[in-house]
Amino acid sequence: MPCEQFVAFQDDRGVHDGNSKCGCGRLSRLQVAGKSGKVKSRGLHYVCAMGGCGFYAPATDDRGEQYGLSEGLLDMFVQLKLI
């Protein structure tokens, strides 16, 4: 029977030196939200890079507005492994 519980990410996509640290004390991972959910559509956010804690923080500008990506930029960010 397969385990359907998330264990950990297996890559370093979205993990950058400038990211904030999560509750585990490690660098967080930059991700993009799907088209629906609790955050702004295609909004950028940080999560625990290892999936070990419940860290979540929206990526915001100086005004506190969450960064978002257009569909065109989304493809570019994914290809560059920025997210």
Protein backbone atom coordinates (compact mmCIF):
# COMPACT_ATOMS: atom_id res chain seq x y z
CA MET A 1 0.00 0.00 0.00
CA PRO A 2 1.59 3.33 -1.05
CA CYS A 3 2.13 6.07 1.50
CA GLU A 4 0.14 9.16 0.57
CA GLN A 5 1.74 11.41 3.16
CA PHE A 6 4.22 14.09 2.09
CA VAL A 7 7.72 13.34 3.40
CA ALA A 8 10.14 15.87 1.86
CA PHE A 9 11.07 17.74 -1.29
CA GLN A 10 13.77 16.02 -3.35
CA ASP A 11 15.28 19.07 -5.05
CA ASP A 12 16.53 22.57 -4.28
CA ARG A 13 14.22 24.39 -6.69
CA GLY A 14 13.25 27.75 -5.16
CA VAL A 15 15.80 27.53 -2.32
CA HIS A 16 17.96 30.67 -2.50
CA ASP A 17 20.44 32.33 -0.15
CA GLY A 18 18.21 35.40 0.26
CA ASN A 19 15.15 33.42 1.42
CA SER A 20 14.02 33.73 5.00
CA LYS A 21 14.55 30.85 7.40
CA CYS A 22 11.69 28.57 8.39
CA GLY A 23 10.87 27.12 11.81
CA CYS A 24 13.49 24.39 11.26
CA GLY A 25 16.21 27.07 10.99
CA ARG A 26 16.90 26.29 7.32
CA LEU A 27 16.37 28.41 4.23
CA SER A 28 12.79 28.39 3.00
CA ARG A 29 11.62 27.47 -0.50
CA LEU A 30 9.98 30.00 -2.86
CA GLN A 31 6.85 28.58 -4.48
CA VAL A 32 3.95 29.79 -6.57
CA ALA A 33 0.31 29.22 -5.69
CA GLY A 34 -2.04 27.41 -8.02
CA LYS A 35 -4.94 29.11 -9.76
CA SER A 36 -7.20 28.59 -6.75
CA GLY A 37 -6.61 28.38 -3.06
CA LYS A 38 -6.25 30.54 0.01
CA VAL A 39 -3.71 32.96 -1.52
CA LYS A 40 -3.66 35.40 -4.41
CA SER A 41 -3.80 33.58 -7.74
CA ARG A 42 -0.24 32.74 -8.83
CA GLY A 43 1.06 34.52 -5.73
CA LEU A 44 4.60 33.79 -4.57
CA HIS A 45 5.14 32.42 -1.08
CA TYR A 46 7.75 30.70 1.08
CA VAL A 47 7.43 27.28 2.72
CA CYS A 48 9.76 24.99 4.67
CA ALA A 49 12.25 23.66 2.10
CA MET A 50 12.27 20.23 3.73
CA GLY A 51 8.55 20.05 4.49
CA GLY A 52 9.44 19.55 8.15
CA CYS A 53 7.48 22.39 9.71
CA GLY A 54 4.34 24.33 8.87
CA PHE A 55 6.21 27.48 7.78
CA TYR A 56 4.32 29.64 5.30
CA ALA A 57 4.90 33.31 4.45
CA PRO A 58 3.74 35.28 1.42
CA ALA A 59 6.54 36.90 -0.62
CA THR A 60 5.74 40.60 -0.33
CA ASP A 61 7.04 43.94 -1.52
CA ASP A 62 7.84 46.96 0.70
CA ARG A 63 4.12 47.80 0.91
CA GLY A 64 3.19 44.33 2.12
CA GLU A 65 1.58 43.35 -1.21
CA GLN A 66 2.12 39.76 -2.28
CA TYR A 67 4.16 39.28 -5.44
CA GLY A 68 2.33 37.50 -8.23
CA LEU A 69 3.30 36.11 -11.62
CA SER A 70 1.52 36.24 -14.95
CA GLU A 71 1.16 32.93 -16.76
CA GLY A 72 3.91 33.96 -19.21
CA LEU A 73 6.39 34.77 -16.46
CA LEU A 74 5.43 31.63 -14.59
CA ASP A 75 6.79 29.42 -17.37
CA MET A 76 10.05 31.39 -17.45
CA PHE A 77 10.52 31.19 -13.66
CA VAL A 78 9.91 27.42 -13.74
CA GLN A 79 12.39 26.86 -16.59
CA LEU A 80 15.03 28.89 -14.71
CA LYS A 81 14.28 26.84 -11.55
CA LEU A 82 13.60 30.02 -9.59
CA ILE A 83 10.38 28.48 -8.28
